[in-house]
Amino acid sequence: MEFIVYIILTALLWVIALTVFLPFTALLKYSKTFRNKWFPFIYVYGVLFLFGRYTRPFRKRCFEMLKENLPNRSKSKCIKILEIGIGSGANLPFYPENSALTSVDVNPSFREYFFKNRSRYPHIEYERAITCMAEDMSEIEDSSMDVVVTSYVLCYVNDIRAVLCEIRRVLKPDGKYLYMEHFAFPRKNWGYLVQKLIAPLWFIYSDGCCIDRDIPNEIRKAGFSNIVCEEKYPFSIPLCVRPHVLGIATVCKN
């Protein structure tokens, strides 16, 4: 029954996008300036407002994993964290005490939302806010970070493997990569068909989000060790982005 409902909804969305909303669809597709303004607004006041309560436990669980994997960390010792694709800062409530944060986001329009939000979390020291692509974070030194965080980022980047390589580069030996991402259903699952049908439209309206990527497999192949992956399929999340993976991985360097 759910399959039929989502197939009908997908067809309806395509019809609306290519008829009544056609000018808006074209504007999103062809104007990067408009997309850069549109997406942060709709993400903060739409996506987070509607679904933030359902993803909040996942964010909390991720940082619990971090705590579990740093059992001997003294709270008096500063922990250097890089968050890629920080957006408005939805993860900030869960950061450990005495965190020193460097943030990266490719969309400069997120800055006003992030700067407004960060003042609520004085336990975090804000070091740098960098606007760049995750595939080339040359402003960040090699082996300089204790932790790298991504949430809903690997679905957006142009080259997942290049991003994961950059994450490994900037992490210190035994540094931790903390992630929360959505990914594609298995190909034999009917949910994958729904994802493939809506994917081109989703890509336009969400500023480049690819919902049909096998992100857990990419992380497993990236050269990390001690990889922990917890897969979730919460019914409270729309089907096309329902599969979630939460996890932590360690980088080993000679």
C-alpha atoms as a PDB file:
ATOM      1  CA  MET A   1       0.000   0.000   0.000  1.00  0.00           C
ATOM      2  CA  GLU A   2       2.806   2.420   0.877  1.00  0.00           C
ATOM      3  CA  PHE A   3       4.426   1.695  -2.488  1.00  0.00           C
ATOM      4  CA  ILE A   4       1.256   2.676  -4.357  1.00  0.00           C
ATOM      5  CA  VAL A   5       0.878   5.866  -2.311  1.00  0.00           C
ATOM      6  CA  TYR A   6       4.451   6.950  -3.015  1.00  0.00           C
ATOM      7  CA  ILE A   7       4.222   6.131  -6.722  1.00  0.00           C
ATOM      8  CA  ILE A   8       1.090   8.286  -6.978  1.00  0.00           C
ATOM      9  CA  LEU A   9       2.716  11.100  -4.980  1.00  0.00           C
ATOM     10  CA  THR A  10       5.832  10.937  -7.143  1.00  0.00           C
ATOM     11  CA  ALA A  11       3.787  11.170 -10.340  1.00  0.00           C
ATOM     12  CA  LEU A  12       1.799  14.069  -8.882  1.00  0.00           C
ATOM     13  CA  LEU A  13       4.965  15.949  -7.906  1.00  0.00           C
ATOM     14  CA  TRP A  14       6.365  15.558 -11.409  1.00  0.00           C
ATOM     15  CA  VAL A  15       3.145  16.861 -12.959  1.00  0.00           C
ATOM     16  CA  ILE A  16       3.057  19.892 -10.634  1.00  0.00           C
ATOM     17  CA  ALA A  17       6.768  20.646 -11.129  1.00  0.00           C
ATOM     18  CA  LEU A  18       6.432  20.574 -14.924  1.00  0.00           C
ATOM     19  CA  THR A  19       3.167  22.510 -15.163  1.00  0.00           C
ATOM     20  CA  VAL A  20       2.097  24.924 -12.424  1.00  0.00           C
ATOM     21  CA  PHE A  21       5.609  25.187 -10.926  1.00  0.00           C
ATOM     22  CA  LEU A  22       7.504  25.030 -14.226  1.00  0.00           C
ATOM     23  CA  PRO A  23       8.907  28.602 -14.021  1.00  0.00           C
ATOM     24  CA  PHE A  24      10.063  27.966 -10.443  1.00  0.00           C
ATOM     25  CA  THR A  25      11.554  24.584 -11.399  1.00  0.00           C
ATOM     26  CA  ALA A  26      13.465  26.198 -14.268  1.00  0.00           C
ATOM     27  CA  LEU A  27      14.712  28.988 -12.009  1.00  0.00           C
ATOM     28  CA  LEU A  28      16.044  26.479  -9.491  1.00  0.00           C
ATOM     29  CA  LYS A  29      17.695  24.418 -12.207  1.00  0.00           C
ATOM     30  CA  TYR A  30      19.435  27.238 -14.042  1.00  0.00           C
ATOM     31  CA  SER A  31      20.134  29.920 -11.410  1.00  0.00           C
ATOM     32  CA  LYS A  32      22.857  29.059  -8.892  1.00  0.00           C
ATOM     33  CA  THR A  33      22.383  32.433  -7.180  1.00  0.00           C
ATOM     34  CA  PHE A  34      18.709  31.709  -6.579  1.00  0.00           C
ATOM     35  CA  ARG A  35      19.427  28.155  -5.398  1.00  0.00           C
ATOM     36  CA  ASN A  36      22.010  29.422  -2.909  1.00  0.00           C
ATOM     37  CA  LYS A  37      19.388  31.686  -1.336  1.00  0.00           C
ATOM     38  CA  TRP A  38      16.422  29.335  -1.628  1.00  0.00           C
ATOM     39  CA  PHE A  39      17.882  26.194  -0.109  1.00  0.00           C
ATOM     40  CA  PRO A  40      19.174  27.533   3.249  1.00  0.00           C
ATOM     41  CA  PHE A  41      15.825  29.221   3.830  1.00  0.00           C
ATOM     42  CA  ILE A  42      13.716  26.164   2.989  1.00  0.00           C
ATOM     43  CA  TYR A  43      16.080  23.875   4.923  1.00  0.00           C
ATOM     44  CA  VAL A  44      15.962  25.912   8.135  1.00  0.00           C
ATOM     45  CA  TYR A  45      12.294  26.899   8.069  1.00  0.00           C
ATOM     46  CA  GLY A  46      10.942  23.876   6.233  1.00  0.00           C
ATOM     47  CA  VAL A  47      12.984  20.696   6.558  1.00  0.00           C
ATOM     48  CA  LEU A  48      14.305  21.250  10.094  1.00  0.00           C
ATOM     49  CA  PHE A  49      10.956  22.583  11.277  1.00  0.00           C
ATOM     50  CA  LEU A  50       9.039  19.553   9.964  1.00  0.00           C
ATOM     51  CA  PHE A  51      11.556  16.747  10.466  1.00  0.00           C
ATOM     52  CA  GLY A  52      14.161  18.045  12.911  1.00  0.00           C
ATOM     53  CA  ARG A  53      12.414  16.361  15.832  1.00  0.00           C
ATOM     54  CA  TYR A  54      12.756  12.984  14.091  1.00  0.00           C
ATOM     55  CA  THR A  55      16.433  13.328  13.173  1.00  0.00           C
ATOM     56  CA  ARG A  56      17.454  14.830  16.516  1.00  0.00           C
ATOM     57  CA  PRO A  57      17.810  11.374  18.186  1.00  0.00           C
ATOM     58  CA  PHE A  58      20.131  10.332  15.342  1.00  0.00           C
ATOM     59  CA  ARG A  59      22.332  13.383  15.862  1.00  0.00           C
ATOM     60  CA  LYS A  60      22.415  12.695  19.591  1.00  0.00           C
ATOM     61  CA  ARG A  61      23.323   9.050  18.992  1.00  0.00           C
ATOM     62  CA  CYS A  62      26.233  10.059  16.743  1.00  0.00           C
ATOM     63  CA  PHE A  63      27.815  12.160  19.453  1.00  0.00           C
ATOM     64  CA  GLU A  64      27.206   9.392  21.977  1.00  0.00           C
ATOM     65  CA  MET A  65      29.300   7.197  19.673  1.00  0.00           C
ATOM     66  CA  LEU A  66      32.019   9.825  19.759  1.00  0.00           C
ATOM     67  CA  LYS A  67      31.980   9.839  23.555  1.00  0.00           C
ATOM     68  CA  GLU A  68      32.117   6.035  23.628  1.00  0.00           C
ATOM     69  CA  ASN A  69      35.154   6.081  21.347  1.00  0.00           C
ATOM     70  CA  LEU A  70      37.007   8.696  23.400  1.00  0.00           C
ATOM     71  CA  PRO A  71      36.632   7.107  26.855  1.00  0.00           C
ATOM     72  CA  ASN A  72      39.789   8.627  28.332  1.00  0.00           C
ATOM     73  CA  ARG A  73      39.290  12.156  27.077  1.00  0.00           C
ATOM     74  CA  SER A  74      39.637  14.845  29.735  1.00  0.00           C
ATOM     75  CA  LYS A  75      37.016  17.595  29.488  1.00  0.00           C
ATOM     76  CA  SER A  76      39.744  20.106  30.243  1.00  0.00           C
ATOM     77  CA  LYS A  77      41.519  19.161  27.018  1.00  0.00           C
ATOM     78  CA  CYS A  78      40.379  20.977  23.884  1.00  0.00           C
ATOM     79  CA  ILE A  79      39.050  18.752  21.096  1.00  0.00           C
ATOM     80  CA  LYS A  80      39.476  20.136  17.579  1.00  0.00           C
ATOM     81  CA  ILE A  81      36.447  19.422  15.401  1.00  0.00           C
ATOM     82  CA  LEU A  82      35.886  20.079  11.713  1.00  0.00           C
ATOM     83  CA  GLU A  83      32.280  19.959  10.547  1.00  0.00           C
ATOM     84  CA  ILE A  84      31.790  19.802   6.794  1.00  0.00           C
ATOM     85  CA  GLY A  85      28.503  21.149   5.463  1.00  0.00           C
ATOM     86  CA  ILE A  86      27.617  22.694   8.789  1.00  0.00           C
ATOM     87  CA  GLY A  87      24.581  24.524   7.415  1.00  0.00           C
ATOM     88  CA  SER A  88      22.754  26.295  10.226  1.00  0.00           C
ATOM     89  CA  GLY A  89      24.528  24.267  12.932  1.00  0.00           C
ATOM     90  CA  ALA A  90      21.927  21.616  13.775  1.00  0.00           C
ATOM     91  CA  ASN A  91      24.580  19.457  15.466  1.00  0.00           C
ATOM     92  CA  LEU A  92      25.879  22.149  17.828  1.00  0.00           C
ATOM     93  CA  PRO A  93      23.684  21.137  20.825  1.00  0.00           C
ATOM     94  CA  PHE A  94      25.467  17.781  20.958  1.00  0.00           C
ATOM     95  CA  TYR A  95      29.078  18.935  20.755  1.00  0.00           C
ATOM     96  CA  PRO A  96      31.280  17.890  23.693  1.00  0.00           C
ATOM     97  CA  GLU A  97      32.507  20.466  26.173  1.00  0.00           C
ATOM     98  CA  ASN A  98      35.640  22.387  25.260  1.00  0.00           C
ATOM     99  CA  SER A  99      35.240  21.887  21.513  1.00  0.00           C
ATOM    100  CA  ALA A 100      37.180  24.065  19.071  1.00  0.00           C
ATOM    101  CA  LEU A 101      35.173  24.173  15.855  1.00  0.00           C
ATOM    102  CA  THR A 102      36.229  24.835  12.293  1.00  0.00           C
ATOM    103  CA  SER A 103      33.247  24.854   9.945  1.00  0.00           C
ATOM    104  CA  VAL A 104      33.116  24.326   6.193  1.00  0.00           C
ATOM    105  CA  ASP A 105      30.192  24.958   3.882  1.00  0.00           C
ATOM    106  CA  VAL A 106      30.079  25.464   0.137  1.00  0.00           C
ATOM    107  CA  ASN A 107      26.987  27.685   0.333  1.00  0.00           C
ATOM    108  CA  PRO A 108      27.798  31.140   1.783  1.00  0.00           C
ATOM    109  CA  SER A 109      24.097  31.863   2.343  1.00  0.00           C
ATOM    110  CA  PHE A 110      24.071  29.454   5.296  1.00  0.00           C
ATOM    111  CA  ARG A 111      26.407  31.745   7.240  1.00  0.00           C
ATOM    112  CA  GLU A 112      23.758  34.099   8.587  1.00  0.00           C
ATOM    113  CA  TYR A 113      21.763  31.151   9.986  1.00  0.00           C
ATOM    114  CA  PHE A 114      24.893  29.549  11.446  1.00  0.00           C
ATOM    115  CA  PHE A 115      26.187  32.747  13.062  1.00  0.00           C
ATOM    116  CA  LYS A 116      22.775  33.395  14.598  1.00  0.00           C
ATOM    117  CA  ASN A 117      22.560  29.862  15.999  1.00  0.00           C
ATOM    118  CA  ARG A 118      26.086  29.467  17.338  1.00  0.00           C
ATOM    119  CA  SER A 119      25.691  32.145  20.034  1.00  0.00           C
ATOM    120  CA  ARG A 120      23.400  29.710  21.884  1.00  0.00           C
ATOM    121  CA  TYR A 121      26.271  27.284  22.530  1.00  0.00           C
ATOM    122  CA  PRO A 122      29.039  29.002  24.528  1.00  0.00           C
ATOM    123  CA  HIS A 123      30.736  25.679  25.322  1.00  0.00           C
ATOM    124  CA  ILE A 124      32.100  25.715  21.751  1.00  0.00           C
ATOM    125  CA  GLU A 125      35.056  27.830  20.667  1.00  0.00           C
ATOM    126  CA  TYR A 126      34.546  28.946  17.074  1.00  0.00           C
ATOM    127  CA  GLU A 127      37.871  29.080  15.283  1.00  0.00           C
ATOM    128  CA  ARG A 128      37.167  29.444  11.562  1.00  0.00           C
ATOM    129  CA  ALA A 129      34.245  29.428   9.129  1.00  0.00           C
ATOM    130  CA  ILE A 130      35.484  28.482   5.663  1.00  0.00           C
ATOM    131  CA  THR A 131      33.545  28.612   2.408  1.00  0.00           C
ATOM    132  CA  CYS A 132      34.909  25.930   0.091  1.00  0.00           C
ATOM    133  CA  MET A 133      34.128  22.611  -1.548  1.00  0.00           C
ATOM    134  CA  ALA A 134      34.661  19.534   0.592  1.00  0.00           C
ATOM    135  CA  GLU A 135      36.710  17.948  -2.193  1.00  0.00           C
ATOM    136  CA  ASP A 136      39.408  20.605  -1.744  1.00  0.00           C
ATOM    137  CA  MET A 137      39.869  21.839   1.822  1.00  0.00           C
ATOM    138  CA  SER A 138      43.397  23.101   1.221  1.00  0.00           C
ATOM    139  CA  GLU A 139      43.005  25.821   3.865  1.00  0.00           C
ATOM    140  CA  ILE A 140      42.972  23.108   6.524  1.00  0.00           C
ATOM    141  CA  GLU A 141      46.323  21.645   7.503  1.00  0.00           C
ATOM    142  CA  ASP A 142      47.220  17.951   7.324  1.00  0.00           C
ATOM    143  CA  SER A 143      46.666  15.950  10.524  1.00  0.00           C
ATOM    144  CA  SER A 144      45.179  18.935  12.353  1.00  0.00           C
ATOM    145  CA  MET A 145      41.756  17.681  13.498  1.00  0.00           C
ATOM    146  CA  ASP A 146      40.700  15.275  16.234  1.00  0.00           C
ATOM    147  CA  VAL A 147      37.227  14.767  14.767  1.00  0.00           C
ATOM    148  CA  VAL A 148      35.530  15.379  11.421  1.00  0.00           C
ATOM    149  CA  VAL A 149      31.726  15.474  11.286  1.00  0.00           C
ATOM    150  CA  THR A 150      29.391  15.168   8.300  1.00  0.00           C
ATOM    151  CA  SER A 151      25.613  15.002   8.388  1.00  0.00           C
ATOM    152  CA  TYR A 152      23.635  14.951   5.145  1.00  0.00           C
ATOM    153  CA  VAL A 153      26.747  15.953   3.218  1.00  0.00           C
ATOM    154  CA  LEU A 154      27.923  12.966   1.154  1.00  0.00           C
ATOM    155  CA  CYS A 155      24.643  13.065  -0.749  1.00  0.00           C
ATOM    156  CA  TYR A 156      25.589  16.546  -2.017  1.00  0.00           C
ATOM    157  CA  VAL A 157      29.257  16.401  -2.906  1.00  0.00           C
ATOM    158  CA  ASN A 158      30.449  15.901  -6.478  1.00  0.00           C
ATOM    159  CA  ASP A 159      33.063  13.281  -5.584  1.00  0.00           C
ATOM    160  CA  ILE A 160      32.494  11.182  -2.448  1.00  0.00           C
ATOM    161  CA  ARG A 161      35.871   9.459  -2.648  1.00  0.00           C
ATOM    162  CA  ALA A 162      37.739  12.761  -2.901  1.00  0.00           C
ATOM    163  CA  VAL A 163      35.874  14.076   0.153  1.00  0.00           C
ATOM    164  CA  LEU A 164      36.632  10.967   2.195  1.00  0.00           C
ATOM    165  CA  CYS A 165      40.274  11.255   1.146  1.00  0.00           C
ATOM    166  CA  GLU A 166      40.315  14.867   2.369  1.00  0.00           C
ATOM    167  CA  ILE A 167      38.753  13.785   5.663  1.00  0.00           C
ATOM    168  CA  ARG A 168      41.514  11.234   6.156  1.00  0.00           C
ATOM    169  CA  ARG A 169      44.127  13.858   5.296  1.00  0.00           C
ATOM    170  CA  VAL A 170      43.018  16.443   7.862  1.00  0.00           C
ATOM    171  CA  LEU A 171      42.463  13.967  10.711  1.00  0.00           C
ATOM    172  CA  LYS A 172      45.211  13.334  13.227  1.00  0.00           C
ATOM    173  CA  PRO A 173      46.430   9.746  13.707  1.00  0.00           C
ATOM    174  CA  ASP A 174      43.613   7.852  15.468  1.00  0.00           C
ATOM    175  CA  GLY A 175      41.267  10.743  14.659  1.00  0.00           C
ATOM    176  CA  LYS A 176      37.553  10.031  14.389  1.00  0.00           C
ATOM    177  CA  TYR A 177      35.198  10.493  11.456  1.00  0.00           C
ATOM    178  CA  LEU A 178      31.615  10.894  12.699  1.00  0.00           C
ATOM    179  CA  TYR A 179      28.817  10.670  10.142  1.00  0.00           C
ATOM    180  CA  MET A 180      25.055  10.686   9.712  1.00  0.00           C
ATOM    181  CA  GLU A 181      23.838  10.275   6.140  1.00  0.00           C
ATOM    182  CA  HIS A 182      20.885   9.016   4.163  1.00  0.00           C
ATOM    183  CA  PHE A 183      21.468   6.507   1.378  1.00  0.00           C
ATOM    184  CA  ALA A 184      19.848   4.337  -1.284  1.00  0.00           C
ATOM    185  CA  PHE A 185      17.641   1.350  -0.561  1.00  0.00           C
ATOM    186  CA  PRO A 186      19.000  -2.002  -1.788  1.00  0.00           C
ATOM    187  CA  ARG A 187      18.304  -2.304  -5.517  1.00  0.00           C
ATOM    188  CA  LYS A 188      15.854  -5.173  -5.050  1.00  0.00           C
ATOM    189  CA  ASN A 189      13.760  -3.127  -2.604  1.00  0.00           C
ATOM    190  CA  TRP A 190      10.797  -1.274  -4.097  1.00  0.00           C
ATOM    191  CA  GLY A 191      11.907   1.804  -2.186  1.00  0.00           C
ATOM    192  CA  TYR A 192      14.875   2.042  -4.561  1.00  0.00           C
ATOM    193  CA  LEU A 193      12.482   2.350  -7.512  1.00  0.00           C
ATOM    194  CA  VAL A 194      10.714   5.258  -5.811  1.00  0.00           C
ATOM    195  CA  GLN A 195      14.077   6.904  -5.138  1.00  0.00           C
ATOM    196  CA  LYS A 196      15.133   6.569  -8.787  1.00  0.00           C
ATOM    197  CA  LEU A 197      11.831   7.999 -10.029  1.00  0.00           C
ATOM    198  CA  ILE A 198      11.950  11.083  -7.803  1.00  0.00           C
ATOM    199  CA  ALA A 199      15.750  11.567  -7.848  1.00  0.00           C
ATOM    200  CA  PRO A 200      16.007  14.068 -10.763  1.00  0.00           C
ATOM    201  CA  LEU A 201      13.299  16.301  -9.300  1.00  0.00           C
ATOM    202  CA  TRP A 202      14.687  15.963  -5.769  1.00  0.00           C
ATOM    203  CA  PHE A 203      18.107  16.994  -7.085  1.00  0.00           C
ATOM    204  CA  ILE A 204      16.691  20.267  -8.440  1.00  0.00           C
ATOM    205  CA  TYR A 205      14.533  21.215  -5.462  1.00  0.00           C
ATOM    206  CA  SER A 206      17.120  20.315  -2.811  1.00  0.00           C
ATOM    207  CA  ASP A 207      20.084  22.091  -4.419  1.00  0.00           C
ATOM    208  CA  GLY A 208      21.882  18.976  -5.612  1.00  0.00           C
ATOM    209  CA  CYS A 209      21.007  16.208  -3.139  1.00  0.00           C
ATOM    210  CA  CYS A 210      21.474  12.706  -4.623  1.00  0.00           C
ATOM    211  CA  ILE A 211      19.191  10.264  -2.831  1.00  0.00           C
ATOM    212  CA  ASP A 212      20.329   7.119  -4.660  1.00  0.00           C
ATOM    213  CA  ARG A 213      23.941   6.798  -3.486  1.00  0.00           C
ATOM    214  CA  ASP A 214      25.387   3.772  -1.674  1.00  0.00           C
ATOM    215  CA  ILE A 215      27.103   5.880   0.972  1.00  0.00           C
ATOM    216  CA  PRO A 216      27.776   3.144   3.586  1.00  0.00           C
ATOM    217  CA  ASN A 217      29.715   1.148   1.008  1.00  0.00           C
ATOM    218  CA  GLU A 218      31.764   4.194  -0.005  1.00  0.00           C
ATOM    219  CA  ILE A 219      32.739   4.779   3.627  1.00  0.00           C
ATOM    220  CA  ARG A 220      33.714   1.128   4.069  1.00  0.00           C
ATOM    221  CA  LYS A 221      35.996   1.314   1.015  1.00  0.00           C
ATOM    222  CA  ALA A 222      37.676   4.601   1.980  1.00  0.00           C
ATOM    223  CA  GLY A 223      40.524   3.180   4.067  1.00  0.00           C
ATOM    224  CA  PHE A 224      39.241   3.828   7.593  1.00  0.00           C
ATOM    225  CA  SER A 225      39.531   1.297  10.404  1.00  0.00           C
ATOM    226  CA  ASN A 226      37.217   0.294  13.266  1.00  0.00           C
ATOM    227  CA  ILE A 227      34.188   1.321  11.216  1.00  0.00           C
ATOM    228  CA  VAL A 228      30.864   1.290  13.042  1.00  0.00           C
ATOM    229  CA  CYS A 229      27.690   1.613  10.942  1.00  0.00           C
ATOM    230  CA  GLU A 230      24.174   1.643  12.365  1.00  0.00           C
ATOM    231  CA  GLU A 231      21.454   1.567   9.713  1.00  0.00           C
ATOM    232  CA  LYS A 232      18.030   3.020  10.520  1.00  0.00           C
ATOM    233  CA  TYR A 233      14.756   3.018   8.561  1.00  0.00           C
ATOM    234  CA  PRO A 234      12.474   5.361  10.540  1.00  0.00           C
ATOM    235  CA  PHE A 235       8.881   5.386   9.333  1.00  0.00           C
ATOM    236  CA  SER A 236       8.619   9.033  10.434  1.00  0.00           C
ATOM    237  CA  ILE A 237      10.986  10.059   7.605  1.00  0.00           C
ATOM    238  CA  PRO A 238       9.733  10.282   3.986  1.00  0.00           C
ATOM    239  CA  LEU A 239      10.449   7.111   2.036  1.00  0.00           C
ATOM    240  CA  CYS A 240      12.860   8.657  -0.468  1.00  0.00           C
ATOM    241  CA  VAL A 241      15.308   9.607   2.315  1.00  0.00           C
ATOM    242  CA  ARG A 242      14.308   6.994   4.882  1.00  0.00           C
ATOM    243  CA  PRO A 243      17.448   4.812   4.944  1.00  0.00           C
ATOM    244  CA  HIS A 244      19.897   6.403   7.379  1.00  0.00           C
ATOM    245  CA  VAL A 245      23.365   5.380   8.445  1.00  0.00           C
ATOM    246  CA  LEU A 246      25.008   6.622  11.646  1.00  0.00           C
ATOM    247  CA  GLY A 247      28.558   5.765  12.439  1.00  0.00           C
ATOM    248  CA  ILE A 248      32.104   6.455  13.442  1.00  0.00           C
ATOM    249  CA  ALA A 249      35.402   5.438  11.894  1.00  0.00           C
ATOM    250  CA  THR A 250      39.060   5.835  12.813  1.00  0.00           C
ATOM    251  CA  VAL A 251      41.925   6.970  10.614  1.00  0.00           C
ATOM    252  CA  CYS A 252      45.223   5.161  11.078  1.00  0.00           C
ATOM    253  CA  LYS A 253      48.440   6.806   9.911  1.00  0.00           C
ATOM    254  CA  ASN A 254      52.004   5.585  10.036  1.00  0.00           C
END
